[in-house]
């Protein structure tokens, strides 16, 4: 999966979304709560994971749209994403 992240198009988008979507699903299904009471450490861990998942998904979608717009206008797509 990791090698496909740099591919342009839908394949690259799906590869880039694998980890952020997996993190979000894990937070919904198995949140990091060893006991019923919420502690500041648990809240901080959840905030960090959700922030990273949303940021990663946003970056992947942004990169996909930039590449798509560049491809439609005929401009070369910059490498190094």
PDB file of N, CA and C in Angstrom:
ATOM      1  N   UNK A   1       0.815  -1.192   0.000  1.00  0.00           N
ATOM      2  CA  UNK A   1       0.000   0.000   0.000  1.00  0.00           C
ATOM      3  C   UNK A   1       0.857   1.254   0.000  1.00  0.00           C
ATOM      4  N   UNK A   2       1.882   1.291   0.776  1.00  0.00           N
ATOM      5  CA  UNK A   2       2.678   2.502   0.907  1.00  0.00           C
ATOM      6  C   UNK A   2       3.318   2.956  -0.386  1.00  0.00           C
ATOM      7  N   UNK A   3       3.730   2.014  -1.228  1.00  0.00           N
ATOM      8  CA  UNK A   3       4.368   2.378  -2.491  1.00  0.00           C
ATOM      9  C   UNK A   3       3.374   3.004  -3.458  1.00  0.00           C
ATOM     10  N   UNK A   4       2.113   2.714  -3.317  1.00  0.00           N
ATOM     11  CA  UNK A   4       1.095   3.236  -4.232  1.00  0.00           C
ATOM     12  C   UNK A   4       0.665   4.662  -3.873  1.00  0.00           C
ATOM     13  N   UNK A   5       1.097   5.180  -2.739  1.00  0.00           N
ATOM     14  CA  UNK A   5       0.686   6.524  -2.327  1.00  0.00           C
ATOM     15  C   UNK A   5       1.141   7.564  -3.335  1.00  0.00           C
ATOM     16  N   UNK A   6       2.289   7.391  -3.917  1.00  0.00           N
ATOM     17  CA  UNK A   6       2.822   8.381  -4.852  1.00  0.00           C
ATOM     18  C   UNK A   6       2.227   8.266  -6.248  1.00  0.00           C
ATOM     19  N   UNK A   7       1.429   7.256  -6.492  1.00  0.00           N
ATOM     20  CA  UNK A   7       0.811   7.127  -7.809  1.00  0.00           C
ATOM     21  C   UNK A   7      -0.273   8.183  -7.974  1.00  0.00           C
ATOM     22  N   UNK A   8      -0.397   8.728  -9.162  1.00  0.00           N
ATOM     23  CA  UNK A   8      -1.454   9.722  -9.376  1.00  0.00           C
ATOM     24  C   UNK A   8      -2.812   9.049  -9.526  1.00  0.00           C
ATOM     25  N   UNK A   9      -3.834   9.816  -9.332  1.00  0.00           N
ATOM     26  CA  UNK A   9      -5.183   9.330  -9.563  1.00  0.00           C
ATOM     27  C   UNK A   9      -5.809   8.660  -8.365  1.00  0.00           C
ATOM     28  N   UNK A  10      -6.842   7.911  -8.660  1.00  0.00           N
ATOM     29  CA  UNK A  10      -7.658   7.287  -7.620  1.00  0.00           C
ATOM     30  C   UNK A  10      -6.876   6.245  -6.813  1.00  0.00           C
ATOM     31  N   UNK A  11      -5.965   5.519  -7.454  1.00  0.00           N
ATOM     32  CA  UNK A  11      -5.161   4.510  -6.740  1.00  0.00           C
ATOM     33  C   UNK A  11      -4.321   5.175  -5.650  1.00  0.00           C
ATOM     34  N   UNK A  12      -3.687   6.278  -5.983  1.00  0.00           N
ATOM     35  CA  UNK A  12      -2.891   7.009  -4.996  1.00  0.00           C
ATOM     36  C   UNK A  12      -3.746   7.560  -3.864  1.00  0.00           C
ATOM     37  N   UNK A  13      -4.942   8.051  -4.214  1.00  0.00           N
ATOM     38  CA  UNK A  13      -5.845   8.573  -3.193  1.00  0.00           C
ATOM     39  C   UNK A  13      -6.275   7.474  -2.234  1.00  0.00           C
ATOM     40  N   UNK A  14      -6.668   6.336  -2.765  1.00  0.00           N
ATOM     41  CA  UNK A  14      -7.093   5.227  -1.905  1.00  0.00           C
ATOM     42  C   UNK A  14      -5.950   4.736  -1.018  1.00  0.00           C
ATOM     43  N   UNK A  15      -4.757   4.683  -1.577  1.00  0.00           N
ATOM     44  CA  UNK A  15      -3.601   4.261  -0.770  1.00  0.00           C
ATOM     45  C   UNK A  15      -3.311   5.269   0.339  1.00  0.00           C
ATOM     46  N   UNK A  16      -3.439   6.565   0.026  1.00  0.00           N
ATOM     47  CA  UNK A  16      -3.160   7.595   1.021  1.00  0.00           C
ATOM     48  C   UNK A  16      -4.231   7.660   2.104  1.00  0.00           C
ATOM     49  N   UNK A  17      -5.444   7.236   1.787  1.00  0.00           N
ATOM     50  CA  UNK A  17      -6.528   7.273   2.768  1.00  0.00           C
ATOM     51  C   UNK A  17      -6.572   6.040   3.670  1.00  0.00           C
ATOM     52  N   UNK A  18      -5.780   5.024   3.381  1.00  0.00           N
ATOM     53  CA  UNK A  18      -5.833   3.775   4.133  1.00  0.00           C
ATOM     54  C   UNK A  18      -5.557   3.989   5.625  1.00  0.00           C
ATOM     55  N   UNK A  19      -4.483   4.662   5.954  1.00  0.00           N
ATOM     56  CA  UNK A  19      -4.120   4.842   7.364  1.00  0.00           C
ATOM     57  C   UNK A  19      -5.060   5.808   8.089  1.00  0.00           C
ATOM     58  N   UNK A  20      -5.377   6.989   7.518  1.00  0.00           N
ATOM     59  CA  UNK A  20      -6.308   7.870   8.245  1.00  0.00           C
ATOM     60  C   UNK A  20      -7.691   7.250   8.468  1.00  0.00           C
ATOM     61  N   UNK A  21      -8.211   6.564   7.463  1.00  0.00           N
ATOM     62  CA  UNK A  21      -9.526   5.938   7.624  1.00  0.00           C
ATOM     63  C   UNK A  21      -9.437   4.795   8.634  1.00  0.00           C
ATOM     64  N   UNK A  22      -8.365   4.034   8.592  1.00  0.00           N
ATOM     65  CA  UNK A  22      -8.180   2.957   9.566  1.00  0.00           C
ATOM     66  C   UNK A  22      -8.091   3.481  10.987  1.00  0.00           C
ATOM     67  N   UNK A  23      -7.412   4.611  11.169  1.00  0.00           N
ATOM     68  CA  UNK A  23      -7.317   5.205  12.508  1.00  0.00           C
ATOM     69  C   UNK A  23      -8.684   5.674  12.994  1.00  0.00           C
ATOM     70  N   UNK A  24      -9.461   6.286  12.104  1.00  0.00           N
ATOM     71  CA  UNK A  24     -10.795   6.751  12.496  1.00  0.00           C
ATOM     72  C   UNK A  24     -11.709   5.575  12.842  1.00  0.00           C
ATOM     73  N   UNK A  25     -11.635   4.520  12.060  1.00  0.00           N
ATOM     74  CA  UNK A  25     -12.464   3.340  12.342  1.00  0.00           C
ATOM     75  C   UNK A  25     -12.061   2.723  13.678  1.00  0.00           C
ATOM     76  N   UNK A  26     -10.769   2.634  13.935  1.00  0.00           N
ATOM     77  CA  UNK A  26     -10.328   2.070  15.210  1.00  0.00           C
ATOM     78  C   UNK A  26     -10.787   2.935  16.377  1.00  0.00           C
ATOM     79  N   UNK A  27     -10.758   4.260  16.218  1.00  0.00           N
ATOM     80  CA  UNK A  27     -11.208   5.133  17.303  1.00  0.00           C
ATOM     81  C   UNK A  27     -12.702   4.976  17.566  1.00  0.00           C
ATOM     82  N   UNK A  28     -13.468   4.646  16.541  1.00  0.00           N
ATOM     83  CA  UNK A  28     -14.905   4.447  16.748  1.00  0.00           C
ATOM     84  C   UNK A  28     -15.203   3.066  17.331  1.00  0.00           C
ATOM     85  N   UNK A  29     -14.474   2.055  16.871  1.00  0.00           N
ATOM     86  CA  UNK A  29     -14.757   0.676  17.293  1.00  0.00           C
ATOM     87  C   UNK A  29     -14.049   0.333  18.600  1.00  0.00           C
ATOM     88  N   UNK A  30     -12.772   0.658  18.691  1.00  0.00           N
ATOM     89  CA  UNK A  30     -11.974   0.335  19.887  1.00  0.00           C
ATOM     90  C   UNK A  30     -11.244   1.577  20.399  1.00  0.00           C
ATOM     91  N   UNK A  31     -11.946   2.502  21.022  1.00  0.00           N
ATOM     92  CA  UNK A  31     -11.257   3.689  21.524  1.00  0.00           C
ATOM     93  C   UNK A  31     -10.278   3.318  22.643  1.00  0.00           C
ATOM     94  N   UNK A  32      -9.233   4.129  22.837  1.00  0.00           N
ATOM     95  CA  UNK A  32      -8.214   3.799  23.843  1.00  0.00           C
ATOM     96  C   UNK A  32      -8.679   4.118  25.260  1.00  0.00           C
ATOM     97  N   UNK A  33      -9.651   3.379  25.719  1.00  0.00           N
ATOM     98  CA  UNK A  33     -10.190   3.617  27.065  1.00  0.00           C
ATOM     99  C   UNK A  33     -10.068   2.330  27.887  1.00  0.00           C
ATOM    100  N   UNK A  34      -9.022   2.220  28.703  1.00  0.00           N
ATOM    101  CA  UNK A  34      -8.848   1.010  29.500  1.00  0.00           C
ATOM    102  C   UNK A  34      -9.878   0.879  30.627  1.00  0.00           C
ATOM    103  N   UNK A  35     -10.501   1.979  31.011  1.00  0.00           N
ATOM    104  CA  UNK A  35     -11.533   1.942  32.047  1.00  0.00           C
ATOM    105  C   UNK A  35     -12.601   2.976  31.706  1.00  0.00           C
ATOM    106  N   UNK A  36     -13.661   3.022  32.464  1.00  0.00           N
ATOM    107  CA  UNK A  36     -14.809   3.851  32.122  1.00  0.00           C
ATOM    108  C   UNK A  36     -14.603   5.340  32.361  1.00  0.00           C
ATOM    109  N   UNK A  37     -13.722   5.695  33.275  1.00  0.00           N
ATOM    110  CA  UNK A  37     -13.520   7.113  33.562  1.00  0.00           C
ATOM    111  C   UNK A  37     -12.548   7.717  32.561  1.00  0.00           C
ATOM    112  N   UNK A  38     -12.858   8.919  32.118  1.00  0.00           N
ATOM    113  CA  UNK A  38     -11.969   9.620  31.197  1.00  0.00           C
ATOM    114  C   UNK A  38     -10.917  10.382  31.985  1.00  0.00           C
ATOM    115  N   UNK A  39      -9.692  10.178  31.628  1.00  0.00           N
ATOM    116  CA  UNK A  39      -8.596  10.917  32.232  1.00  0.00           C
ATOM    117  C   UNK A  39      -8.053  11.889  31.188  1.00  0.00           C
ATOM    118  N   UNK A  40      -7.309  12.893  31.614  1.00  0.00           N
ATOM    119  CA  UNK A  40      -6.731  13.824  30.635  1.00  0.00           C
ATOM    120  C   UNK A  40      -5.838  13.126  29.607  1.00  0.00           C
ATOM    121  N   UNK A  41      -5.148  12.094  30.005  1.00  0.00           N
ATOM    122  CA  UNK A  41      -4.280  11.374  29.071  1.00  0.00           C
ATOM    123  C   UNK A  41      -5.091  10.672  27.983  1.00  0.00           C
ATOM    124  N   UNK A  42      -6.229  10.110  28.356  1.00  0.00           N
ATOM    125  CA  UNK A  42      -7.086   9.436  27.373  1.00  0.00           C
ATOM    126  C   UNK A  42      -7.671  10.450  26.395  1.00  0.00           C
ATOM    127  N   UNK A  43      -8.129  11.574  26.925  1.00  0.00           N
ATOM    128  CA  UNK A  43      -8.688  12.613  26.058  1.00  0.00           C
ATOM    129  C   UNK A  43      -7.619  13.145  25.111  1.00  0.00           C
ATOM    130  N   UNK A  44      -6.424  13.374  25.621  1.00  0.00           N
ATOM    131  CA  UNK A  44      -5.327  13.850  24.787  1.00  0.00           C
ATOM    132  C   UNK A  44      -4.987  12.841  23.691  1.00  0.00           C
ATOM    133  N   UNK A  45      -4.951  11.567  24.026  1.00  0.00           N
ATOM    134  CA  UNK A  45      -4.664  10.533  23.030  1.00  0.00           C
ATOM    135  C   UNK A  45      -5.726  10.512  21.935  1.00  0.00           C
ATOM    136  N   UNK A  46      -6.983  10.632  22.319  1.00  0.00           N
ATOM    137  CA  UNK A  46      -8.057  10.640  21.326  1.00  0.00           C
ATOM    138  C   UNK A  46      -7.985  11.876  20.439  1.00  0.00           C
ATOM    139  N   UNK A  47      -7.692  13.023  21.021  1.00  0.00           N
ATOM    140  CA  UNK A  47      -7.576  14.253  20.234  1.00  0.00           C
ATOM    141  C   UNK A  47      -6.420  14.152  19.242  1.00  0.00           C
ATOM    142  N   UNK A  48      -5.303  13.603  19.680  1.00  0.00           N
ATOM    143  CA  UNK A  48      -4.145  13.462  18.789  1.00  0.00           C
ATOM    144  C   UNK A  48      -4.464  12.534  17.620  1.00  0.00           C
ATOM    145  N   UNK A  49      -5.084  11.401  17.901  1.00  0.00           N
ATOM    146  CA  UNK A  49      -5.394  10.447  16.836  1.00  0.00           C
ATOM    147  C   UNK A  49      -6.412  11.026  15.861  1.00  0.00           C
ATOM    148  N   UNK A  50      -7.473  11.643  16.370  1.00  0.00           N
ATOM    149  CA  UNK A  50      -8.485  12.228  15.483  1.00  0.00           C
ATOM    150  C   UNK A  50      -7.903  13.362  14.652  1.00  0.00           C
ATOM    151  N   UNK A  51      -7.062  14.198  15.258  1.00  0.00           N
ATOM    152  CA  UNK A  51      -6.444  15.300  14.525  1.00  0.00           C
ATOM    153  C   UNK A  51      -5.535  14.784  13.427  1.00  0.00           C
ATOM    154  N   UNK A  52      -4.744  13.769  13.734  1.00  0.00           N
ATOM    155  CA  UNK A  52      -3.860  13.189  12.726  1.00  0.00           C
ATOM    156  C   UNK A  52      -4.652  12.516  11.611  1.00  0.00           C
ATOM    157  N   UNK A  53      -5.736  11.842  11.946  1.00  0.00           N
ATOM    158  CA  UNK A  53      -6.551  11.178  10.928  1.00  0.00           C
ATOM    159  C   UNK A  53      -7.205  12.198  10.000  1.00  0.00           C
ATOM    160  N   UNK A  54      -7.758  13.251  10.560  1.00  0.00           N
ATOM    161  CA  UNK A  54      -8.402  14.284   9.731  1.00  0.00           C
ATOM    162  C   UNK A  54      -7.367  15.020   8.897  1.00  0.00           C
ATOM    163  N   UNK A  55      -6.214  15.332   9.479  1.00  0.00           N
ATOM    164  CA  UNK A  55      -5.161  16.011   8.729  1.00  0.00           C
ATOM    165  C   UNK A  55      -4.645  15.137   7.585  1.00  0.00           C
ATOM    166  N   UNK A  56      -4.430  13.862   7.865  1.00  0.00           N
ATOM    167  CA  UNK A  56      -3.949  12.955   6.821  1.00  0.00           C
ATOM    168  C   UNK A  56      -4.949  12.787   5.693  1.00  0.00           C
ATOM    169  N   UNK A  57      -6.216  12.654   6.027  1.00  0.00           N
ATOM    170  CA  UNK A  57      -7.248  12.524   4.995  1.00  0.00           C
ATOM    171  C   UNK A  57      -7.370  13.822   4.204  1.00  0.00           C
ATOM    172  N   UNK A  58      -7.312  14.950   4.881  1.00  0.00           N
ATOM    173  CA  UNK A  58      -7.375  16.242   4.184  1.00  0.00           C
ATOM    174  C   UNK A  58      -6.214  16.438   3.238  1.00  0.00           C
ATOM    175  N   UNK A  59      -5.020  16.065   3.677  1.00  0.00           N
ATOM    176  CA  UNK A  59      -3.834  16.169   2.826  1.00  0.00           C
ATOM    177  C   UNK A  59      -3.985  15.286   1.596  1.00  0.00           C
ATOM    178  N   UNK A  60      -4.475  14.064   1.773  1.00  0.00           N
ATOM    179  CA  UNK A  60      -4.623  13.135   0.655  1.00  0.00           C
ATOM    180  C   UNK A  60      -5.629  13.657  -0.366  1.00  0.00           C
ATOM    181  N   UNK A  61      -6.751  14.173   0.111  1.00  0.00           N
ATOM    182  CA  UNK A  61      -7.769  14.698  -0.808  1.00  0.00           C
ATOM    183  C   UNK A  61      -7.255  15.953  -1.508  1.00  0.00           C
ATOM    184  N   UNK A  62      -6.576  16.826  -0.773  1.00  0.00           N
ATOM    185  CA  UNK A  62      -6.003  18.033  -1.380  1.00  0.00           C
ATOM    186  C   UNK A  62      -5.010  17.658  -2.484  1.00  0.00           C
ATOM    187  N   UNK A  63      -4.133  16.720  -2.190  1.00  0.00           N
ATOM    188  CA  UNK A  63      -3.136  16.291  -3.177  1.00  0.00           C
ATOM    189  C   UNK A  63      -3.819  15.712  -4.413  1.00  0.00           C
ATOM    190  N   UNK A  64      -4.879  14.925  -4.208  1.00  0.00           N
ATOM    191  CA  UNK A  64      -5.625  14.340  -5.321  1.00  0.00           C
ATOM    192  C   UNK A  64      -6.226  15.429  -6.203  1.00  0.00           C
ATOM    193  N   UNK A  65      -6.857  16.446  -5.588  1.00  0.00           N
ATOM    194  CA  UNK A  65      -7.485  17.503  -6.376  1.00  0.00           C
ATOM    195  C   UNK A  65      -6.460  18.364  -7.089  1.00  0.00           C
ATOM    196  N   UNK A  66      -5.317  18.625  -6.470  1.00  0.00           N
ATOM    197  CA  UNK A  66      -4.264  19.402  -7.141  1.00  0.00           C
ATOM    198  C   UNK A  66      -3.750  18.648  -8.358  1.00  0.00           C
ATOM    199  N   UNK A  67      -3.509  17.360  -8.206  1.00  0.00           N
ATOM    200  CA  UNK A  67      -3.037  16.565  -9.335  1.00  0.00           C
ATOM    201  C   UNK A  67      -4.095  16.479 -10.430  1.00  0.00           C
ATOM    202  N   UNK A  68      -5.334  16.365 -10.024  1.00  0.00           N
ATOM    203  CA  UNK A  68      -6.418  16.256 -11.010  1.00  0.00           C
ATOM    204  C   UNK A  68      -6.559  17.564 -11.795  1.00  0.00           C
ATOM    205  N   UNK A  69      -6.523  18.707 -11.101  1.00  0.00           N
ATOM    206  CA  UNK A  69      -6.624  20.000 -11.787  1.00  0.00           C
ATOM    207  C   UNK A  69      -5.442  20.215 -12.723  1.00  0.00           C
ATOM    208  N   UNK A  70      -4.245  19.839 -12.268  1.00  0.00           N
ATOM    209  CA  UNK A  70      -3.059  20.005 -13.113  1.00  0.00           C
ATOM    210  C   UNK A  70      -3.151  19.107 -14.340  1.00  0.00           C
ATOM    211  N   UNK A  71      -3.677  17.904 -14.175  1.00  0.00           N
ATOM    212  CA  UNK A  71      -3.823  16.991 -15.299  1.00  0.00           C
ATOM    213  C   UNK A  71      -4.857  17.458 -16.297  1.00  0.00           C
ATOM    214  N   UNK A  72      -5.934  18.067 -15.831  1.00  0.00           N
ATOM    215  CA  UNK A  72      -6.980  18.546 -16.724  1.00  0.00           C
ATOM    216  C   UNK A  72      -6.545  19.783 -17.497  1.00  0.00           C
ATOM    217  N   UNK A  73      -5.686  20.604 -16.897  1.00  0.00           N
ATOM    218  CA  UNK A  73      -5.256  21.824 -17.581  1.00  0.00           C
ATOM    219  C   UNK A  73      -4.041  21.592 -18.462  1.00  0.00           C
ATOM    220  N   UNK A  74      -3.484  20.407 -18.431  1.00  0.00           N
ATOM    221  CA  UNK A  74      -2.330  20.096 -19.271  1.00  0.00           C
ATOM    222  C   UNK A  74      -0.998  20.457 -18.660  1.00  0.00           C
ATOM    223  N   UNK A  75      -0.994  20.998 -17.465  1.00  0.00           N
ATOM    224  CA  UNK A  75       0.249  21.339 -16.795  1.00  0.00           C
ATOM    225  C   UNK A  75       0.889  20.083 -16.246  1.00  0.00           C
ATOM    226  N   UNK A  76       2.230  20.024 -16.211  1.00  0.00           N
ATOM    227  CA  UNK A  76       2.864  18.840 -15.611  1.00  0.00           C
ATOM    228  C   UNK A  76       2.622  18.813 -14.097  1.00  0.00           C
ATOM    229  N   UNK A  77       2.426  17.623 -13.587  1.00  0.00           N
ATOM    230  CA  UNK A  77       2.196  17.457 -12.167  1.00  0.00           C
ATOM    231  C   UNK A  77       3.534  17.437 -11.461  1.00  0.00           C
ATOM    232  N   UNK A  78       3.649  18.228 -10.381  1.00  0.00           N
ATOM    233  CA  UNK A  78       4.902  18.284  -9.638  1.00  0.00           C
ATOM    234  C   UNK A  78       5.100  16.996  -8.863  1.00  0.00           C
ATOM    235  N   UNK A  79       6.320  16.497  -8.892  1.00  0.00           N
ATOM    236  CA  UNK A  79       6.621  15.317  -8.078  1.00  0.00           C
ATOM    237  C   UNK A  79       7.073  15.772  -6.711  1.00  0.00           C
ATOM    238  N   UNK A  80       7.233  14.840  -5.799  1.00  0.00           N
ATOM    239  CA  UNK A  80       7.704  15.175  -4.451  1.00  0.00           C
ATOM    240  C   UNK A  80       6.599  15.257  -3.436  1.00  0.00           C
ATOM    241  N   UNK A  81       5.407  14.829  -3.774  1.00  0.00           N
ATOM    242  CA  UNK A  81       4.330  14.827  -2.804  1.00  0.00           C
ATOM    243  C   UNK A  81       4.625  13.764  -1.849  1.00  0.00           C
TER     244      UNK A  81
END
